[in-house]
Amino acid sequence: MPVVNSDDLVHFKRPSLELPKIDRSFIQNMLADRQHLAIVEGVMGLSKTFHCTVVAKGVETDTQAQRLIELGCFVGQGNNVTKAMPLSELGAWMKEYTSSDRPT
């Protein structure tokens, strides 16, 4: 199980180019494991206190995305939206995605 150490927490206190991130293992298990959900909730609480944005890594399902939104996490990465793609394909994909009926 991933460990949260004090080096990770420095992102809340000091502005950085790198946003604090919630490890994919917590995201993948938060719906089934109360302790993982508690960690996600705790990180989101810290982010609100310090007015910073958190990135949820490994968002794979709409249910995970919805729960994260309910917790105030609006930035995620993972295969829920799309698989990784070459930068050269990103513009066309974004155009198609934003014109679709998929919820944002």
N, C-alpha and C. Protein backbone atom coordinates (compact mmCIF):
# COMPACT_ATOMS: atom_id res chain seq x y z
N MET A 1 0.84 -1.17 0.00
CA MET A 1 0.00 0.00 0.00
C MET A 1 0.89 1.24 0.00
N PRO A 2 0.58 2.24 -0.85
CA PRO A 2 1.38 3.46 -0.91
C PRO A 2 1.35 4.19 0.44
N VAL A 3 2.43 4.85 0.73
CA VAL A 3 2.56 5.59 1.98
C VAL A 3 2.56 7.08 1.68
N VAL A 4 1.89 7.85 2.51
CA VAL A 4 1.93 9.31 2.39
C VAL A 4 3.01 9.78 3.34
N ASN A 5 4.00 10.49 2.81
CA ASN A 5 5.06 10.98 3.68
C ASN A 5 5.08 12.50 3.68
N SER A 6 5.88 13.07 4.56
CA SER A 6 5.90 14.52 4.72
C SER A 6 6.34 15.24 3.45
N ASP A 7 7.15 14.60 2.62
CA ASP A 7 7.55 15.22 1.35
C ASP A 7 6.34 15.44 0.45
N ASP A 8 5.36 14.54 0.51
CA ASP A 8 4.14 14.69 -0.28
C ASP A 8 3.29 15.85 0.22
N LEU A 9 3.28 16.05 1.52
CA LEU A 9 2.42 17.08 2.12
C LEU A 9 2.92 18.49 1.86
N VAL A 10 4.18 18.65 1.50
CA VAL A 10 4.74 19.98 1.25
C VAL A 10 4.01 20.69 0.11
N HIS A 11 3.38 19.94 -0.81
CA HIS A 11 2.66 20.54 -1.92
C HIS A 11 1.46 21.37 -1.44
N PHE A 12 0.92 21.04 -0.27
CA PHE A 12 -0.20 21.81 0.25
C PHE A 12 0.25 23.15 0.80
N LYS A 13 1.42 23.20 1.39
CA LYS A 13 1.90 24.40 2.07
C LYS A 13 2.58 25.38 1.13
N ARG A 14 3.28 24.87 0.14
CA ARG A 14 4.11 25.72 -0.70
C ARG A 14 3.65 25.58 -2.15
N PRO A 15 3.35 26.72 -2.80
CA PRO A 15 2.97 26.63 -4.21
C PRO A 15 4.05 25.92 -5.02
N SER A 16 3.62 25.13 -5.94
CA SER A 16 4.55 24.33 -6.73
C SER A 16 3.99 24.15 -8.13
N LEU A 17 4.87 23.89 -9.06
CA LEU A 17 4.41 23.57 -10.40
C LEU A 17 3.72 22.22 -10.44
N GLU A 18 4.09 21.35 -9.50
CA GLU A 18 3.48 20.02 -9.45
C GLU A 18 2.35 20.03 -8.42
N LEU A 19 1.16 19.69 -8.86
CA LEU A 19 0.00 19.65 -7.98
C LEU A 19 0.04 18.40 -7.11
N PRO A 20 -0.52 18.49 -5.89
CA PRO A 20 -0.63 17.27 -5.10
C PRO A 20 -1.52 16.26 -5.83
N LYS A 21 -1.16 14.99 -5.72
CA LYS A 21 -1.90 13.94 -6.43
C LYS A 21 -2.32 12.86 -5.45
N ILE A 22 -3.47 12.27 -5.72
CA ILE A 22 -3.92 11.12 -4.94
C ILE A 22 -3.56 9.88 -5.76
N ASP A 23 -2.82 8.98 -5.16
CA ASP A 23 -2.35 7.79 -5.85
C ASP A 23 -3.51 6.95 -6.36
N ARG A 24 -3.31 6.36 -7.51
CA ARG A 24 -4.34 5.55 -8.17
C ARG A 24 -4.86 4.42 -7.29
N SER A 25 -4.03 3.85 -6.43
CA SER A 25 -4.49 2.74 -5.59
C SER A 25 -5.60 3.19 -4.64
N PHE A 26 -5.53 4.42 -4.15
CA PHE A 26 -6.59 4.94 -3.28
C PHE A 26 -7.86 5.18 -4.09
N ILE A 27 -7.71 5.69 -5.31
CA ILE A 27 -8.86 5.96 -6.16
C ILE A 27 -9.54 4.65 -6.56
N GLN A 28 -8.75 3.69 -6.97
CA GLN A 28 -9.31 2.41 -7.43
C GLN A 28 -10.05 1.67 -6.32
N ASN A 29 -9.65 1.86 -5.07
CA ASN A 29 -10.24 1.11 -3.97
C ASN A 29 -11.17 1.92 -3.09
N MET A 30 -11.34 3.20 -3.34
CA MET A 30 -12.10 4.05 -2.43
C MET A 30 -13.58 3.69 -2.33
N LEU A 31 -14.13 3.08 -3.36
CA LEU A 31 -15.55 2.72 -3.33
C LEU A 31 -15.81 1.45 -2.54
N ALA A 32 -14.79 0.63 -2.35
CA ALA A 32 -14.96 -0.65 -1.66
C ALA A 32 -14.26 -0.69 -0.30
N ASP A 33 -13.33 0.23 -0.07
CA ASP A 33 -12.52 0.19 1.14
C ASP A 33 -12.66 1.51 1.89
N ARG A 34 -13.27 1.47 3.04
CA ARG A 34 -13.54 2.68 3.82
C ARG A 34 -12.25 3.43 4.18
N GLN A 35 -11.16 2.71 4.43
CA GLN A 35 -9.90 3.38 4.78
C GLN A 35 -9.34 4.16 3.58
N HIS A 36 -9.46 3.59 2.41
CA HIS A 36 -8.99 4.31 1.21
C HIS A 36 -9.85 5.55 0.99
N LEU A 37 -11.15 5.42 1.18
CA LEU A 37 -12.04 6.58 1.04
C LEU A 37 -11.67 7.64 2.07
N ALA A 38 -11.37 7.24 3.29
CA ALA A 38 -10.99 8.19 4.33
C ALA A 38 -9.73 8.96 3.94
N ILE A 39 -8.78 8.29 3.31
CA ILE A 39 -7.56 8.96 2.87
C ILE A 39 -7.89 9.98 1.78
N VAL A 40 -8.71 9.59 0.82
CA VAL A 40 -9.12 10.51 -0.24
C VAL A 40 -9.85 11.71 0.37
N GLU A 41 -10.76 11.46 1.29
CA GLU A 41 -11.49 12.55 1.94
C GLU A 41 -10.54 13.47 2.71
N GLY A 42 -9.55 12.87 3.37
CA GLY A 42 -8.57 13.67 4.12
C GLY A 42 -7.73 14.55 3.21
N VAL A 43 -7.29 14.01 2.11
CA VAL A 43 -6.51 14.80 1.14
C VAL A 43 -7.36 15.95 0.60
N MET A 44 -8.63 15.66 0.30
CA MET A 44 -9.51 16.71 -0.21
C MET A 44 -9.75 17.78 0.86
N GLY A 45 -9.85 17.37 2.11
CA GLY A 45 -10.00 18.34 3.20
C GLY A 45 -8.79 19.26 3.29
N LEU A 46 -7.59 18.69 3.18
CA LEU A 46 -6.38 19.50 3.19
C LEU A 46 -6.35 20.45 1.99
N SER A 47 -6.78 19.96 0.84
CA SER A 47 -6.76 20.81 -0.35
C SER A 47 -7.69 22.01 -0.19
N LYS A 48 -8.82 21.80 0.45
CA LYS A 48 -9.75 22.91 0.68
C LYS A 48 -9.15 23.91 1.66
N THR A 49 -8.53 23.41 2.73
CA THR A 49 -7.91 24.28 3.73
C THR A 49 -6.83 25.15 3.12
N PHE A 50 -6.02 24.56 2.25
CA PHE A 50 -4.89 25.28 1.66
C PHE A 50 -5.20 25.87 0.29
N HIS A 51 -6.46 25.78 -0.13
CA HIS A 51 -6.90 26.36 -1.41
C HIS A 51 -6.03 25.90 -2.58
N CYS A 52 -5.88 24.59 -2.70
CA CYS A 52 -5.11 24.08 -3.83
C CYS A 52 -5.90 23.00 -4.55
N THR A 53 -5.51 22.77 -5.76
CA THR A 53 -6.14 21.77 -6.62
C THR A 53 -5.41 20.45 -6.45
N VAL A 54 -6.15 19.37 -6.39
CA VAL A 54 -5.59 18.03 -6.28
C VAL A 54 -5.93 17.25 -7.54
N VAL A 55 -4.99 16.43 -8.00
CA VAL A 55 -5.22 15.57 -9.15
C VAL A 55 -5.44 14.14 -8.66
N ALA A 56 -6.55 13.55 -9.06
CA ALA A 56 -6.82 12.14 -8.76
C ALA A 56 -6.26 11.30 -9.89
N LYS A 57 -5.35 10.40 -9.56
CA LYS A 57 -4.73 9.55 -10.57
C LYS A 57 -5.48 8.23 -10.67
N GLY A 58 -5.60 7.70 -11.87
CA GLY A 58 -6.18 6.39 -12.06
C GLY A 58 -7.69 6.33 -12.02
N VAL A 59 -8.35 7.41 -12.44
CA VAL A 59 -9.82 7.41 -12.49
C VAL A 59 -10.24 6.55 -13.68
N GLU A 60 -10.90 5.44 -13.39
CA GLU A 60 -11.22 4.47 -14.43
C GLU A 60 -12.71 4.33 -14.70
N THR A 61 -13.57 4.77 -13.78
CA THR A 61 -15.01 4.56 -13.97
C THR A 61 -15.78 5.85 -13.73
N ASP A 62 -16.98 5.90 -14.28
CA ASP A 62 -17.86 7.04 -14.05
C ASP A 62 -18.22 7.15 -12.57
N THR A 63 -18.37 6.02 -11.89
CA THR A 63 -18.71 6.03 -10.46
C THR A 63 -17.58 6.65 -9.65
N GLN A 64 -16.35 6.32 -9.96
CA GLN A 64 -15.21 6.93 -9.27
C GLN A 64 -15.19 8.43 -9.54
N ALA A 65 -15.38 8.80 -10.80
CA ALA A 65 -15.36 10.23 -11.16
C ALA A 65 -16.46 10.98 -10.43
N GLN A 66 -17.65 10.41 -10.37
CA GLN A 66 -18.76 11.07 -9.69
C GLN A 66 -18.47 11.25 -8.19
N ARG A 67 -17.92 10.23 -7.56
CA ARG A 67 -17.61 10.34 -6.12
C ARG A 67 -16.55 11.39 -5.88
N LEU A 68 -15.55 11.46 -6.75
CA LEU A 68 -14.51 12.47 -6.62
C LEU A 68 -15.10 13.87 -6.77
N ILE A 69 -16.00 14.05 -7.72
CA ILE A 69 -16.65 15.35 -7.90
C ILE A 69 -17.43 15.71 -6.63
N GLU A 70 -18.14 14.73 -6.06
CA GLU A 70 -18.88 14.97 -4.81
C GLU A 70 -17.95 15.41 -3.69
N LEU A 71 -16.71 14.92 -3.70
CA LEU A 71 -15.73 15.28 -2.68
C LEU A 71 -15.01 16.59 -3.00
N GLY A 72 -15.28 17.17 -4.17
CA GLY A 72 -14.65 18.43 -4.54
C GLY A 72 -13.40 18.29 -5.38
N CYS A 73 -13.14 17.10 -5.90
CA CYS A 73 -11.98 16.88 -6.77
C CYS A 73 -12.45 16.94 -8.21
N PHE A 74 -12.00 17.96 -8.92
CA PHE A 74 -12.47 18.18 -10.29
C PHE A 74 -11.40 17.94 -11.34
N VAL A 75 -10.22 17.48 -10.91
CA VAL A 75 -9.14 17.20 -11.85
C VAL A 75 -8.71 15.76 -11.66
N GLY A 76 -8.77 15.00 -12.75
CA GLY A 76 -8.39 13.60 -12.66
C GLY A 76 -7.67 13.16 -13.92
N GLN A 77 -6.98 12.08 -13.79
CA GLN A 77 -6.36 11.48 -14.96
C GLN A 77 -6.58 9.99 -14.88
N GLY A 78 -6.74 9.39 -16.03
CA GLY A 78 -7.00 7.96 -16.08
C GLY A 78 -7.78 7.63 -17.33
N ASN A 79 -8.12 6.38 -17.48
CA ASN A 79 -8.77 5.92 -18.69
C ASN A 79 -10.27 6.14 -18.71
N ASN A 80 -10.83 6.80 -17.71
CA ASN A 80 -12.27 7.05 -17.70
C ASN A 80 -12.68 7.93 -18.88
N VAL A 81 -11.88 8.87 -19.22
CA VAL A 81 -12.21 9.76 -20.33
C VAL A 81 -11.68 9.20 -21.63
N THR A 82 -10.40 8.85 -21.67
CA THR A 82 -9.79 8.28 -22.87
C THR A 82 -8.48 7.60 -22.52
N LYS A 83 -8.07 6.72 -23.36
CA LYS A 83 -6.75 6.09 -23.21
C LYS A 83 -5.68 7.11 -23.59
N ALA A 84 -4.46 6.87 -23.17
CA ALA A 84 -3.35 7.74 -23.55
C ALA A 84 -3.24 7.77 -25.06
N MET A 85 -2.85 8.94 -25.58
CA MET A 85 -2.74 9.09 -27.03
C MET A 85 -1.56 10.00 -27.36
N PRO A 86 -1.08 9.91 -28.56
CA PRO A 86 -0.01 10.82 -28.99
C PRO A 86 -0.52 12.26 -29.00
N LEU A 87 0.36 13.18 -28.72
CA LEU A 87 0.01 14.60 -28.71
C LEU A 87 -0.59 15.03 -30.05
N SER A 88 -0.13 14.44 -31.13
CA SER A 88 -0.61 14.81 -32.46
C SER A 88 -2.10 14.52 -32.63
N GLU A 89 -2.68 13.61 -31.83
CA GLU A 89 -4.09 13.27 -31.93
C GLU A 89 -4.97 14.06 -30.96
N LEU A 90 -4.36 14.77 -30.04
CA LEU A 90 -5.11 15.42 -28.97
C LEU A 90 -6.09 16.48 -29.46
N GLY A 91 -5.68 17.32 -30.39
CA GLY A 91 -6.55 18.39 -30.89
C GLY A 91 -7.84 17.85 -31.48
N ALA A 92 -7.74 16.86 -32.34
CA ALA A 92 -8.92 16.27 -32.97
C ALA A 92 -9.80 15.59 -31.93
N TRP A 93 -9.18 14.89 -30.97
CA TRP A 93 -9.96 14.24 -29.92
C TRP A 93 -10.72 15.27 -29.09
N MET A 94 -10.05 16.35 -28.71
CA MET A 94 -10.70 17.39 -27.89
C MET A 94 -11.89 18.00 -28.62
N LYS A 95 -11.73 18.23 -29.90
CA LYS A 95 -12.82 18.80 -30.70
C LYS A 95 -14.03 17.86 -30.69
N GLU A 96 -13.78 16.59 -30.91
CA GLU A 96 -14.86 15.60 -30.92
C GLU A 96 -15.48 15.44 -29.53
N TYR A 97 -14.65 15.41 -28.49
CA TYR A 97 -15.14 15.21 -27.12
C TYR A 97 -16.02 16.37 -26.69
N THR A 98 -15.59 17.59 -26.94
CA THR A 98 -16.36 18.75 -26.50
C THR A 98 -17.65 18.92 -27.27
N SER A 99 -17.74 18.36 -28.47
CA SER A 99 -18.98 18.47 -29.24
C SER A 99 -19.93 17.29 -29.00
N SER A 100 -19.48 16.30 -28.19
CA SER A 100 -20.34 15.14 -27.93
C SER A 100 -21.31 15.44 -26.80
N ASP A 101 -22.23 14.54 -26.55
CA ASP A 101 -23.21 14.69 -25.50
C ASP A 101 -22.73 14.16 -24.16
N ARG A 102 -21.47 13.73 -24.08
CA ARG A 102 -20.95 13.16 -22.83
C ARG A 102 -20.92 14.24 -21.74
N PRO A 103 -21.34 13.89 -20.51
CA PRO A 103 -21.30 14.87 -19.43
C PRO A 103 -19.88 15.29 -19.13
N THR A 104 -19.69 16.53 -18.72
CA THR A 104 -18.36 17.02 -18.39
C THR A 104 -18.19 17.14 -16.90
